[in-house]
N, C-alpha and C. Protein backbone atom coordinates (compact mmCIF):
# COMPACT_ATOMS: atom_id res chain seq x y z
N MET A 1 -5.61 -52.10 -22.74
CA MET A 1 -4.31 -52.47 -23.53
C MET A 1 -4.02 -50.92 -24.34
N LYS A 2 -5.09 -51.06 -25.28
CA LYS A 2 -5.60 -49.71 -26.13
C LYS A 2 -4.87 -48.42 -25.01
N LEU A 3 -5.50 -48.07 -24.10
CA LEU A 3 -5.04 -46.85 -23.42
C LEU A 3 -3.53 -47.11 -23.43
N ILE A 4 -2.75 -47.91 -22.65
CA ILE A 4 -1.68 -47.87 -22.60
C ILE A 4 -0.89 -47.87 -24.01
N LEU A 5 -1.25 -48.39 -24.68
CA LEU A 5 -0.65 -47.77 -26.52
C LEU A 5 -0.67 -46.46 -27.07
N ILE A 6 -1.90 -45.89 -26.78
CA ILE A 6 -2.33 -44.52 -26.61
C ILE A 6 -1.69 -43.51 -26.44
N PHE A 7 -1.34 -44.21 -24.49
CA PHE A 7 -0.40 -43.56 -23.75
C PHE A 7 0.83 -43.49 -24.41
N ALA A 8 1.58 -44.51 -25.09
CA ALA A 8 2.90 -44.43 -25.61
C ALA A 8 3.34 -43.91 -26.49
N LEU A 9 2.17 -43.94 -27.58
CA LEU A 9 2.31 -42.94 -28.85
C LEU A 9 2.28 -41.32 -28.36
N ILE A 10 1.46 -40.94 -27.47
CA ILE A 10 1.73 -39.62 -27.02
C ILE A 10 2.68 -39.08 -26.36
N THR A 11 3.10 -40.06 -25.55
CA THR A 11 4.36 -39.39 -24.91
C THR A 11 5.62 -39.53 -26.41
N THR A 12 5.54 -40.81 -27.13
CA THR A 12 6.51 -40.41 -28.04
C THR A 12 6.67 -39.36 -28.61
N PHE A 13 5.26 -38.75 -29.52
CA PHE A 13 5.38 -37.65 -29.91
C PHE A 13 5.43 -36.48 -29.44
N ILE A 14 5.36 -36.19 -27.82
CA ILE A 14 5.80 -35.15 -27.40
C ILE A 14 7.17 -35.26 -27.57
N SER A 15 7.78 -36.01 -26.85
CA SER A 15 8.94 -35.93 -26.78
C SER A 15 10.07 -35.97 -28.24
N LEU A 16 9.33 -35.98 -29.03
CA LEU A 16 9.75 -36.09 -30.40
C LEU A 16 9.89 -34.60 -30.63
N ALA A 17 8.64 -34.16 -30.51
CA ALA A 17 8.86 -32.48 -30.98
C ALA A 17 9.35 -31.72 -29.93
N LEU A 18 9.96 -31.98 -28.91
CA LEU A 18 10.32 -31.30 -27.87
C LEU A 18 12.10 -31.53 -27.97
N SER A 19 12.56 -32.40 -28.99
CA SER A 19 13.86 -32.59 -29.13
C SER A 19 14.05 -31.34 -29.73
N ARG A 20 15.59 -30.73 -30.49
CA ARG A 20 16.04 -30.06 -31.08
C ARG A 20 16.54 -30.43 -32.34
N SER A 21 16.32 -31.74 -32.68
CA SER A 21 17.02 -32.18 -33.80
C SER A 21 17.03 -31.39 -35.39
N GLN A 22 18.03 -31.21 -35.96
CA GLN A 22 18.14 -30.36 -37.30
C GLN A 22 18.27 -31.28 -38.37
N PHE A 23 17.83 -30.71 -39.37
CA PHE A 23 18.15 -31.48 -40.59
C PHE A 23 17.97 -30.46 -41.58
N TRP A 24 19.38 -30.68 -42.54
CA TRP A 24 19.25 -29.30 -43.32
C TRP A 24 19.96 -30.24 -44.81
N GLY A 25 18.98 -29.89 -45.91
CA GLY A 25 19.32 -30.66 -47.06
C GLY A 25 18.23 -31.99 -47.20
N LYS A 26 18.70 -32.32 -48.28
CA LYS A 26 17.73 -33.81 -48.72
C LYS A 26 18.83 -35.22 -48.84
N ARG A 27 18.41 -36.26 -48.11
CA ARG A 27 19.03 -37.49 -49.00
C ARG A 27 18.33 -37.47 -50.22
N VAL A 28 19.26 -38.45 -50.79
CA VAL A 28 18.94 -39.02 -52.30
C VAL A 28 19.12 -40.19 -52.64
N ALA A 29 18.81 -40.93 -53.27
CA ALA A 29 19.64 -42.36 -53.88
C ALA A 29 20.67 -42.36 -53.78
N GLY A 30 21.69 -43.05 -53.65
CA GLY A 30 22.91 -43.09 -54.19
C GLY A 30 24.30 -42.33 -52.54
N ASP A 31 23.31 -41.81 -51.93
CA ASP A 31 23.96 -40.95 -50.54
C ASP A 31 24.66 -42.08 -49.47
N ARG A 32 25.52 -41.53 -49.22
CA ARG A 32 26.25 -42.80 -48.16
C ARG A 32 26.54 -41.69 -47.37
N MET A 33 26.62 -42.12 -45.93
CA MET A 33 27.29 -41.36 -44.81
C MET A 33 28.88 -41.27 -44.84
N ILE A 34 28.92 -39.63 -44.91
CA ILE A 34 30.78 -39.14 -44.95
C ILE A 34 31.04 -39.16 -43.69
N ILE A 35 30.42 -39.10 -42.84
CA ILE A 35 30.88 -38.94 -41.22
C ILE A 35 29.66 -39.05 -40.17
N SER A 36 29.98 -39.44 -38.98
CA SER A 36 29.24 -39.24 -38.11
C SER A 36 30.02 -39.35 -36.77
N ARG A 37 29.91 -38.17 -36.22
CA ARG A 37 30.33 -37.76 -34.62
C ARG A 37 29.33 -38.09 -33.49
N ASN A 38 29.51 -38.11 -32.34
CA ASN A 38 28.93 -37.99 -31.02
C ASN A 38 29.57 -36.67 -30.22
N VAL A 39 29.27 -35.67 -30.03
CA VAL A 39 29.76 -34.86 -29.45
C VAL A 39 28.93 -34.51 -27.71
N THR A 40 29.71 -34.80 -26.75
CA THR A 40 29.24 -34.58 -25.59
C THR A 40 29.88 -33.48 -24.56
N ILE A 41 29.37 -32.25 -23.91
CA ILE A 41 30.15 -31.03 -23.10
C ILE A 41 29.14 -31.37 -22.03
N TYR A 42 29.86 -31.71 -20.84
CA TYR A 42 29.30 -31.64 -19.79
C TYR A 42 29.00 -30.45 -18.90
N PRO A 43 28.10 -30.50 -18.01
CA PRO A 43 27.72 -29.10 -17.87
C PRO A 43 28.38 -28.29 -16.97
N ARG A 44 28.68 -27.06 -16.64
CA ARG A 44 29.46 -26.08 -15.66
C ARG A 44 28.70 -24.98 -15.57
N ALA A 45 28.38 -24.75 -14.20
CA ALA A 45 27.42 -23.78 -13.65
C ALA A 45 28.40 -21.80 -14.34
N LYS A 46 26.88 -21.77 -14.77
CA LYS A 46 27.18 -20.26 -15.50
C LYS A 46 27.59 -19.88 -16.86
N VAL A 47 27.79 -21.09 -17.35
CA VAL A 47 28.40 -21.44 -18.49
C VAL A 47 27.73 -21.89 -20.07
N ILE A 48 27.43 -21.31 -20.92
CA ILE A 48 26.55 -21.62 -22.25
C ILE A 48 27.97 -22.42 -22.82
N PRO A 49 27.51 -23.98 -22.88
CA PRO A 49 28.10 -25.20 -23.85
C PRO A 49 28.56 -24.80 -24.83
N MET A 50 29.27 -24.53 -25.66
CA MET A 50 29.23 -24.48 -27.31
C MET A 50 30.47 -25.40 -27.54
N HIS A 51 30.14 -25.98 -29.30
CA HIS A 51 30.94 -26.65 -29.80
C HIS A 51 31.03 -26.49 -31.05
N LEU A 52 32.29 -26.20 -31.69
CA LEU A 52 32.05 -25.51 -33.16
C LEU A 52 32.48 -26.97 -34.05
N PHE A 53 31.60 -27.84 -34.95
CA PHE A 53 31.64 -28.90 -35.26
C PHE A 53 32.61 -28.62 -36.92
N LYS A 54 33.20 -28.41 -37.61
CA LYS A 54 33.90 -28.18 -38.57
C LYS A 54 34.19 -29.55 -39.43
N PHE A 55 33.84 -29.79 -40.61
CA PHE A 55 34.21 -30.67 -42.12
C PHE A 55 34.62 -29.66 -42.86
N PRO A 56 35.91 -30.93 -43.46
CA PRO A 56 36.67 -31.95 -43.22
C PRO A 56 37.32 -31.22 -41.46
N LEU A 57 37.72 -32.37 -41.42
CA LEU A 57 38.91 -31.76 -40.32
C LEU A 57 39.59 -31.55 -40.55
N ALA A 58 40.95 -31.03 -39.63
CA ALA A 58 41.73 -30.24 -39.72
C ALA A 58 42.66 -30.94 -40.63
N GLY A 59 43.44 -30.58 -41.37
CA GLY A 59 44.85 -31.23 -42.15
C GLY A 59 44.02 -32.33 -42.96
N ARG A 60 43.00 -32.35 -43.47
CA ARG A 60 42.28 -33.34 -44.43
C ARG A 60 41.79 -32.45 -45.43
N SER A 61 41.42 -33.20 -46.35
CA SER A 61 39.97 -32.83 -47.63
C SER A 61 39.07 -33.43 -47.52
N ASN A 62 38.26 -33.28 -48.52
CA ASN A 62 37.17 -34.11 -49.29
C ASN A 62 36.87 -33.16 -50.04
N ASP A 63 36.28 -34.21 -51.22
CA ASP A 63 36.09 -34.20 -52.58
C ASP A 63 34.53 -34.76 -52.79
N ARG A 64 33.92 -35.40 -51.61
CA ARG A 64 32.52 -35.31 -51.76
C ARG A 64 31.40 -34.52 -51.43
N LEU A 65 30.26 -34.10 -52.26
CA LEU A 65 29.36 -33.14 -52.29
C LEU A 65 28.56 -33.72 -51.20
N ILE A 66 28.62 -32.70 -50.19
CA ILE A 66 27.51 -32.88 -48.95
C ILE A 66 26.17 -32.52 -49.81
N THR A 67 25.07 -33.65 -49.10
CA THR A 67 23.35 -33.83 -49.85
C THR A 67 22.75 -33.30 -48.21
N ALA A 68 23.30 -33.55 -47.38
CA ALA A 68 22.69 -33.93 -46.49
C ALA A 68 23.66 -33.29 -44.82
N VAL A 69 22.72 -32.51 -44.08
CA VAL A 69 23.41 -32.78 -42.89
C VAL A 69 22.68 -32.47 -41.20
N GLN A 70 22.52 -33.67 -40.80
CA GLN A 70 21.35 -34.24 -39.50
C GLN A 70 22.40 -33.78 -38.49
N VAL A 71 21.35 -33.23 -37.53
CA VAL A 71 21.84 -33.18 -35.85
C VAL A 71 21.12 -33.90 -35.20
N LEU A 72 21.17 -34.36 -34.10
CA LEU A 72 20.31 -35.28 -33.57
C LEU A 72 20.63 -34.87 -31.69
N ASP A 73 19.84 -34.56 -31.04
CA ASP A 73 19.18 -34.12 -29.67
C ASP A 73 19.63 -35.66 -29.10
N ASN A 74 20.37 -35.61 -28.66
CA ASN A 74 20.24 -37.36 -27.78
C ASN A 74 19.68 -36.93 -26.62
N PHE A 75 19.41 -35.80 -26.05
CA PHE A 75 18.67 -35.78 -24.85
C PHE A 75 16.97 -36.01 -25.01
N ARG A 76 16.35 -35.54 -25.98
CA ARG A 76 15.43 -35.63 -26.53
C ARG A 76 14.66 -34.77 -25.05
N ASN A 77 14.83 -33.85 -24.56
CA ASN A 77 14.04 -33.18 -23.50
C ASN A 77 13.87 -31.92 -23.57
N ASN A 78 14.15 -31.46 -24.53
CA ASN A 78 14.15 -29.53 -24.62
C ASN A 78 15.28 -29.11 -23.87
N SER A 79 16.01 -29.75 -22.99
CA SER A 79 17.13 -29.21 -22.54
C SER A 79 18.40 -29.59 -23.37
N GLY A 80 18.81 -30.00 -24.40
CA GLY A 80 20.07 -30.17 -25.41
C GLY A 80 20.49 -29.36 -26.18
N VAL A 81 20.75 -29.73 -27.05
CA VAL A 81 21.40 -28.70 -28.06
C VAL A 81 20.68 -27.80 -29.14
N THR A 82 21.22 -26.93 -29.40
CA THR A 82 20.77 -25.83 -30.52
C THR A 82 21.72 -25.76 -31.86
N PRO A 83 21.24 -26.54 -33.08
CA PRO A 83 22.33 -26.37 -33.94
C PRO A 83 21.92 -25.32 -34.97
N ILE A 84 23.11 -24.63 -35.01
CA ILE A 84 23.25 -23.40 -36.09
C ILE A 84 24.10 -23.76 -37.15
N LEU A 85 23.72 -24.03 -38.37
CA LEU A 85 24.48 -24.07 -39.91
C LEU A 85 25.02 -22.64 -40.34
N LYS A 86 26.50 -22.79 -39.80
CA LYS A 86 26.92 -21.25 -39.93
C LYS A 86 27.59 -21.11 -41.46
N VAL A 87 28.63 -22.34 -42.00
CA VAL A 87 28.74 -22.05 -42.98
C VAL A 87 28.72 -23.44 -44.08
N GLY A 88 28.98 -23.24 -45.19
CA GLY A 88 28.92 -24.43 -45.93
C GLY A 88 27.56 -24.96 -45.70
N GLY A 89 27.48 -26.55 -46.02
CA GLY A 89 26.54 -27.49 -45.87
C GLY A 89 26.00 -28.17 -47.63
N PRO A 90 24.61 -28.11 -47.72
CA PRO A 90 24.11 -29.06 -48.41
C PRO A 90 24.40 -28.46 -49.73
N GLY A 91 25.10 -29.15 -51.00
CA GLY A 91 25.74 -28.67 -52.04
C GLY A 91 27.52 -28.00 -51.92
N ARG A 92 28.03 -28.28 -50.53
CA ARG A 92 29.59 -27.96 -50.73
C ARG A 92 29.91 -29.02 -50.23
N THR A 93 31.73 -29.27 -50.71
CA THR A 93 32.11 -29.91 -49.72
C THR A 93 32.77 -29.68 -48.32
N PHE A 94 32.15 -28.47 -47.44
CA PHE A 94 32.50 -28.34 -46.28
C PHE A 94 31.44 -27.90 -45.78
N THR A 95 31.30 -28.02 -44.03
CA THR A 95 30.46 -27.27 -43.50
C THR A 95 31.07 -26.64 -42.06
N THR A 96 30.46 -25.96 -41.43
CA THR A 96 30.43 -25.51 -39.96
C THR A 96 29.30 -25.60 -39.33
N VAL A 97 29.16 -26.03 -37.94
CA VAL A 97 28.32 -26.06 -37.88
C VAL A 97 28.63 -26.09 -35.89
N LEU A 98 27.31 -24.99 -35.95
CA LEU A 98 27.86 -24.46 -34.30
C LEU A 98 26.94 -25.25 -33.14
N LEU A 99 26.81 -25.82 -32.14
CA LEU A 99 26.12 -26.55 -31.38
C LEU A 99 26.10 -25.81 -29.98
N GLN A 100 25.23 -25.56 -29.50
CA GLN A 100 25.29 -24.52 -28.30
C GLN A 100 23.96 -24.92 -27.24
N GLY A 101 24.58 -25.24 -26.40
CA GLY A 101 23.72 -25.51 -25.38
C GLY A 101 22.51 -24.65 -24.17
N GLN A 102 22.24 -24.64 -23.42
CA GLN A 102 21.63 -23.81 -22.12
C GLN A 102 22.49 -23.88 -21.01
N SER A 103 22.53 -22.25 -20.56
CA SER A 103 23.37 -22.10 -19.53
C SER A 103 23.36 -22.93 -18.27
N GLY A 104 24.60 -23.79 -17.78
CA GLY A 104 24.31 -24.57 -16.61
C GLY A 104 24.17 -26.04 -16.95
N ARG A 105 23.97 -26.36 -18.59
CA ARG A 105 23.42 -27.67 -18.57
C ARG A 105 24.29 -27.78 -19.89
N GLY A 106 24.57 -29.31 -19.90
CA GLY A 106 25.54 -29.88 -21.04
C GLY A 106 24.63 -30.13 -21.80
N PHE A 107 25.42 -31.05 -23.01
CA PHE A 107 24.35 -31.91 -24.48
C PHE A 107 25.11 -32.97 -24.94
N ASN A 108 24.23 -33.45 -25.43
CA ASN A 108 25.11 -34.75 -25.90
C ASN A 108 24.39 -34.88 -27.56
N ALA A 109 24.87 -34.82 -28.75
CA ALA A 109 24.35 -34.36 -29.98
C ALA A 109 25.16 -35.42 -30.83
N SER A 110 24.75 -35.98 -31.71
CA SER A 110 25.39 -36.53 -32.93
C SER A 110 25.19 -35.60 -34.41
N VAL A 111 26.21 -35.51 -34.87
CA VAL A 111 26.28 -34.93 -36.40
C VAL A 111 26.68 -35.73 -37.15
N ILE A 112 25.48 -35.88 -38.45
CA ILE A 112 25.39 -37.07 -39.67
C ILE A 112 25.80 -36.11 -40.44
N LEU A 113 26.79 -36.31 -41.60
CA LEU A 113 26.69 -36.06 -42.91
C LEU A 113 26.41 -36.72 -43.80
N TYR A 114 25.75 -36.67 -44.97
CA TYR A 114 25.21 -37.70 -46.40
C TYR A 114 25.82 -37.28 -47.02
N GLY A 115 26.43 -37.61 -48.10
CA GLY A 115 26.88 -37.14 -49.37
C GLY A 115 27.21 -38.30 -50.31
N ARG A 116 27.96 -37.67 -52.14
CA ARG A 116 28.07 -38.87 -52.76
C ARG A 116 29.42 -37.97 -53.42
């Protein structure tokens, strides 16, 4: 029984280490989730998948200060997304995050913004 538990823990740590999730900023007491979006890009041969996540959405405004930006790689096997914070982010009211996958592979990522 202990062997199974140890194996499960080691497998969990390895899968977490290989995922490319990213976190910018710091959540503090009083923060609320501003937006949560799931981005799925399907694979196409010889194409590097990219998605530019912009907040606030086109035609909208935002008066909340962003305290944290979190991108979760939902594949968790190192074949998913590589997030790059391009503009804004923590301490600003706007952000742009570039989500880039590997050539010929798709990705599934969640982008979550926290603020007050």
